[in-house]
Amino acid sequence: MSSKFEKSYQIHVYETSPNARLSIHSLLNYLQDIASDHAEMLGFGRDDLMKQNSFWVLSRLYIEITHWPGWDEIIFLRTWPNGTDKLFALRNYEICYLNGHILGYASSSWLILDRTTKRIQRPESFIDGLNISKPEKFEIRNATKLETFAEQGQTNHCFRIKTSDLDLNFHTNNAVYLRWISDSYDPGFLLKNDPQSIEINYLAESKYNEEIVIRTTAENERIFNHSICRAEDYKELCRVRMVWRPGINMHLKDI
């Protein structure tokens, strides 16, 4: 079986931002969807790991986008596992139009946890021997460990986790963290700017009705570091670094 998997996605209006282009959290949903489908095909998907009392956890993600596709466009995602790095299982992605024009790339680092002890498992014991191609050179780097800016950051968002934020494990869905980050920006900024790169570190789980605080620091007018913390004990749950560039000022009424 090929170690690469391809799938197309049509961008629905409910998956767009106010500028009529694909939202960052919708893109992350696509990446999670195709990774899940491919892992199942290769024999180490969610159900396969559950049989061994284990589960996947997305730990780090790095995305570079040269052009954000818009409402009703069809994009093509390609993904493949790219070996391991110590305790991480690596997975890469290409994002393009159906004609092959590349829109962006992503790299992700995953951990396997024991369901009972929550201890990290060696990925080789789950994926070795599955006839997966050797790691290959890729266009972008792997996601790295981000520094924390939680103590210096300015609090600009505070809320409670709702039922609609939860996944099938009753934890906050990975894409929701990016939706929270997007909600912390002024709509005028989002209309005038596009994400150029997004880097995420997931640090701890969050659950229903917990109060969440987002703290933000700006390196300059285009680069922002975000820290998502639990308000009760200021446990840091997620770190996000966003690099923005000027975008096309477009609104649904202009289409």
Protein backbone atom coordinates (compact mmCIF):
# COMPACT_ATOMS: atom_id res chain seq x y z
CA MET A 1 0.00 0.00 0.00
CA SER A 2 1.28 3.50 -0.86
CA SER A 3 2.48 5.57 2.08
CA LYS A 4 0.95 8.69 0.48
CA PHE A 5 -2.76 9.47 0.54
CA GLU A 6 -4.69 12.14 -1.35
CA LYS A 7 -8.12 13.65 -0.84
CA SER A 8 -10.04 16.65 -2.18
CA TYR A 9 -12.08 19.15 -0.17
CA GLN A 10 -14.64 21.68 -1.40
CA ILE A 11 -14.65 24.80 0.77
CA HIS A 12 -18.14 25.48 2.11
CA VAL A 13 -19.33 28.92 3.13
CA TYR A 14 -19.47 27.87 6.80
CA GLU A 15 -15.74 27.01 6.62
CA THR A 16 -14.66 30.52 5.67
CA SER A 17 -13.60 33.64 7.55
CA PRO A 18 -15.21 37.09 7.00
CA ASN A 19 -12.83 37.59 4.04
CA ALA A 20 -14.51 34.62 2.25
CA ARG A 21 -11.36 32.51 2.42
CA LEU A 22 -10.80 29.22 4.22
CA SER A 23 -10.51 29.78 7.98
CA ILE A 24 -7.44 28.55 9.82
CA HIS A 25 -9.42 26.22 12.09
CA SER A 26 -11.24 24.72 9.09
CA LEU A 27 -7.87 23.98 7.48
CA LEU A 28 -6.78 22.20 10.66
CA ASN A 29 -9.99 20.15 10.54
CA TYR A 30 -9.04 19.08 6.99
CA LEU A 31 -5.53 18.11 8.12
CA GLN A 32 -6.90 16.05 11.01
CA ASP A 33 -9.49 14.42 8.77
CA ILE A 34 -7.05 13.23 6.12
CA ALA A 35 -4.50 12.12 8.75
CA SER A 36 -7.18 10.03 10.48
CA ASP A 37 -8.34 8.42 7.23
CA HIS A 38 -4.80 7.59 6.17
CA ALA A 39 -3.76 6.17 9.54
CA GLU A 40 -6.79 3.85 9.44
CA MET A 41 -5.80 2.67 5.95
CA LEU A 42 -2.23 1.97 7.09
CA GLY A 43 -3.32 0.00 10.14
CA PHE A 44 -2.47 2.40 12.98
CA GLY A 45 -5.62 4.51 13.19
CA ARG A 46 -7.68 5.34 16.27
CA ASP A 47 -9.48 1.99 16.39
CA ASP A 48 -6.22 0.07 15.91
CA LEU A 49 -4.54 1.88 18.80
CA MET A 50 -7.62 1.53 21.01
CA LYS A 51 -7.21 -2.25 20.76
CA GLN A 52 -3.78 -1.74 22.35
CA ASN A 53 -5.17 0.60 25.01
CA SER A 54 -3.51 3.62 23.38
CA PHE A 55 -4.46 6.73 21.44
CA TRP A 56 -2.95 9.42 19.22
CA VAL A 57 -2.30 12.97 20.45
CA LEU A 58 -1.35 15.83 18.14
CA SER A 59 1.58 17.55 19.86
CA ARG A 60 3.01 20.06 17.38
CA LEU A 61 1.98 21.51 14.03
CA TYR A 62 3.62 23.94 11.61
CA ILE A 63 1.82 25.36 8.56
CA GLU A 64 3.08 27.65 5.77
CA ILE A 65 0.52 29.04 3.31
CA THR A 66 1.40 31.06 0.21
CA HIS A 67 -2.23 31.53 -0.89
CA TRP A 68 -5.48 30.99 1.01
CA PRO A 69 -8.22 29.39 -1.12
CA GLY A 70 -11.71 30.83 -1.10
CA TRP A 71 -15.32 29.84 -0.74
CA ASP A 72 -16.52 27.13 -3.15
CA GLU A 73 -13.02 26.35 -4.42
CA ILE A 74 -11.79 22.77 -4.40
CA ILE A 75 -8.41 22.02 -2.88
CA PHE A 76 -6.37 18.85 -2.84
CA LEU A 77 -4.52 17.53 0.22
CA ARG A 78 -1.73 14.97 0.14
CA THR A 79 -0.30 13.42 3.33
CA TRP A 80 2.23 10.81 4.34
CA PRO A 81 4.00 9.58 7.50
CA ASN A 82 7.62 10.70 7.52
CA GLY A 83 9.32 8.51 10.09
CA THR A 84 9.91 9.20 13.76
CA ASP A 85 11.94 11.61 15.85
CA LYS A 86 12.54 10.19 19.33
CA LEU A 87 9.02 9.92 20.81
CA PHE A 88 7.32 11.75 17.93
CA ALA A 89 5.69 10.18 14.89
CA LEU A 90 6.00 12.66 12.02
CA ARG A 91 3.42 13.37 9.32
CA ASN A 92 3.68 15.83 6.41
CA TYR A 93 1.13 17.48 4.13
CA GLU A 94 0.91 19.31 0.81
CA ILE A 95 -2.00 21.64 0.04
CA CYS A 96 -2.68 22.44 -3.59
CA TYR A 97 -5.27 23.07 -6.29
CA LEU A 98 -6.37 20.18 -8.49
CA ASN A 99 -4.03 21.43 -11.24
CA GLY A 100 -1.08 20.82 -8.92
CA HIS A 101 -0.42 24.46 -7.99
CA ILE A 102 0.96 24.37 -4.44
CA LEU A 103 -0.84 26.53 -1.85
CA GLY A 104 1.10 25.46 1.20
CA TYR A 105 2.73 22.79 3.31
CA ALA A 106 2.37 21.47 6.85
CA SER A 107 4.34 19.23 9.17
CA SER A 108 2.99 17.59 12.31
CA SER A 109 4.38 15.69 15.30
CA TRP A 110 2.23 13.11 17.09
CA LEU A 111 2.52 11.21 20.36
CA ILE A 112 0.99 7.87 21.33
CA LEU A 113 -0.29 7.72 24.92
CA ASP A 114 -1.39 4.79 27.04
CA ARG A 115 -5.09 5.27 27.88
CA THR A 116 -4.69 4.16 31.49
CA THR A 117 -1.38 5.67 32.58
CA LYS A 118 -1.23 8.54 30.02
CA ARG A 119 2.43 7.65 29.53
CA ILE A 120 4.04 8.26 26.14
CA GLN A 121 4.65 5.09 24.10
CA ARG A 122 7.47 4.47 21.63
CA PRO A 123 5.94 4.99 18.15
CA GLU A 124 8.15 2.34 16.53
CA SER A 125 6.30 -0.43 18.37
CA PHE A 126 3.08 0.59 16.60
CA ILE A 127 4.19 1.50 13.08
CA ASP A 128 7.35 -0.50 12.38
CA GLY A 129 6.91 -3.33 9.89
CA LEU A 130 4.01 -1.65 8.06
CA ASN A 131 5.97 -1.15 4.83
CA ILE A 132 6.01 2.66 5.09
CA SER A 133 8.48 4.53 2.91
CA LYS A 134 11.62 5.95 4.47
CA PRO A 135 11.61 9.62 5.53
CA GLU A 136 12.10 12.03 2.65
CA LYS A 137 13.33 15.58 2.26
CA PHE A 138 10.50 18.07 2.73
CA GLU A 139 9.88 21.70 1.78
CA ILE A 140 9.40 23.03 5.31
CA ARG A 141 10.83 22.27 8.74
CA ASN A 142 9.21 20.23 11.45
CA ALA A 143 7.31 22.04 14.18
CA THR A 144 9.54 22.97 17.11
CA LYS A 145 9.11 23.72 20.80
CA LEU A 146 7.83 27.28 21.28
CA GLU A 147 8.90 29.52 24.15
CA THR A 148 6.24 30.53 26.64
CA PHE A 149 5.09 34.15 26.81
CA ALA A 150 2.24 33.50 29.23
CA GLU A 151 3.57 35.68 32.05
CA GLN A 152 4.39 38.69 29.87
CA GLY A 153 1.32 38.47 27.65
CA GLN A 154 -1.66 40.79 27.71
CA THR A 155 -4.96 39.07 28.53
CA ASN A 156 -7.34 39.71 25.65
CA HIS A 157 -9.84 36.86 25.83
CA CYS A 158 -11.56 34.98 28.66
CA PHE A 159 -14.39 32.44 28.34
CA ARG A 160 -15.63 28.95 29.31
CA ILE A 161 -15.39 25.77 27.25
CA LYS A 162 -18.74 24.77 25.74
CA THR A 163 -20.13 21.42 24.68
CA SER A 164 -19.60 22.35 21.02
CA ASP A 165 -15.85 22.68 21.69
CA LEU A 166 -15.47 19.01 22.67
CA ASP A 167 -14.36 16.01 20.62
CA LEU A 168 -15.42 12.37 20.99
CA ASN A 169 -13.02 11.98 23.94
CA PHE A 170 -14.74 14.87 25.77
CA HIS A 171 -11.60 16.99 25.42
CA THR A 172 -11.31 20.22 23.47
CA ASN A 173 -10.90 19.57 19.76
CA ASN A 174 -7.47 20.59 18.43
CA ALA A 175 -8.95 22.92 15.81
CA VAL A 176 -10.97 24.79 18.44
CA TYR A 177 -7.80 26.29 19.92
CA LEU A 178 -7.15 28.02 16.59
CA ARG A 179 -10.75 29.23 16.47
CA TRP A 180 -10.26 30.77 19.92
CA ILE A 181 -7.08 32.46 18.72
CA SER A 182 -8.87 33.84 15.65
CA ASP A 183 -11.66 35.17 17.85
CA SER A 184 -9.10 37.17 19.84
CA TYR A 185 -8.26 39.29 16.77
CA ASP A 186 -10.16 42.34 15.62
CA PRO A 187 -12.32 41.60 12.52
CA GLY A 188 -10.75 44.55 10.71
CA PHE A 189 -7.30 42.99 11.10
CA LEU A 190 -8.54 39.64 9.75
CA LEU A 191 -10.08 41.34 6.70
CA LYS A 192 -6.78 43.00 5.82
CA ASN A 193 -4.31 40.22 6.68
CA ASP A 194 -3.75 36.53 5.94
CA PRO A 195 -1.80 34.02 8.04
CA GLN A 196 1.57 33.31 6.45
CA SER A 197 2.63 30.68 8.97
CA ILE A 198 1.05 29.05 12.02
CA GLU A 199 2.95 27.07 14.63
CA ILE A 200 1.23 25.24 17.49
CA ASN A 201 2.37 23.36 20.58
CA TYR A 202 -0.33 21.41 22.43
CA LEU A 203 0.71 21.07 26.07
CA ALA A 204 -2.24 19.81 28.13
CA GLU A 205 -5.88 18.82 27.71
CA SER A 206 -8.83 21.03 28.57
CA LYS A 207 -12.37 20.00 29.41
CA TYR A 208 -15.97 21.17 29.54
CA ASN A 209 -16.79 24.30 31.57
CA GLU A 210 -13.17 25.14 32.39
CA GLU A 211 -12.47 28.86 32.22
CA ILE A 212 -9.88 29.73 29.60
CA VAL A 213 -7.63 32.78 29.28
CA ILE A 214 -5.68 33.83 26.17
CA ARG A 215 -2.59 35.96 26.62
CA THR A 216 -0.90 37.62 23.65
CA THR A 217 2.46 39.26 23.01
CA ALA A 218 3.42 41.05 19.79
CA GLU A 219 6.92 40.75 18.33
CA ASN A 220 5.89 43.40 15.80
CA GLU A 221 2.74 44.36 13.90
CA ARG A 222 2.80 41.07 11.95
CA ILE A 223 4.01 38.45 14.46
CA PHE A 224 2.02 37.44 17.55
CA ASN A 225 2.60 34.83 20.24
CA HIS A 226 -0.45 33.43 22.01
CA SER A 227 -0.68 31.39 25.19
CA ILE A 228 -3.91 29.61 26.11
CA CYS A 229 -4.15 28.93 29.85
CA ARG A 230 -6.64 27.47 32.29
CA ALA A 231 -7.81 30.34 34.51
CA GLU A 232 -8.07 28.28 37.70
CA ASP A 233 -4.37 27.44 38.00
CA TYR A 234 -2.89 29.19 34.93
CA LYS A 235 -1.82 25.84 33.55
CA GLU A 236 -0.61 26.48 29.99
CA LEU A 237 -2.62 24.38 27.53
CA CYS A 238 -1.40 25.56 24.16
CA ARG A 239 1.10 27.93 22.54
CA VAL A 240 0.57 29.45 19.11
CA ARG A 241 2.85 31.66 17.00
CA MET A 242 1.16 33.47 14.12
CA VAL A 243 2.97 35.32 11.31
CA TRP A 244 0.69 37.50 9.16
CA ARG A 245 1.06 39.25 5.81
CA PRO A 246 -1.14 41.81 4.02
CA GLY A 247 -4.04 40.11 2.24
CA ILE A 248 -6.67 40.99 -0.32
CA ASN A 249 -9.41 43.02 1.34
CA MET A 250 -12.44 40.98 0.30
CA HIS A 251 -15.83 40.55 1.90
CA LEU A 252 -18.75 38.30 0.95
CA LYS A 253 -20.68 41.34 -0.34
CA ASP A 254 -17.87 41.99 -2.86
CA ILE A 255 -18.08 38.53 -4.47
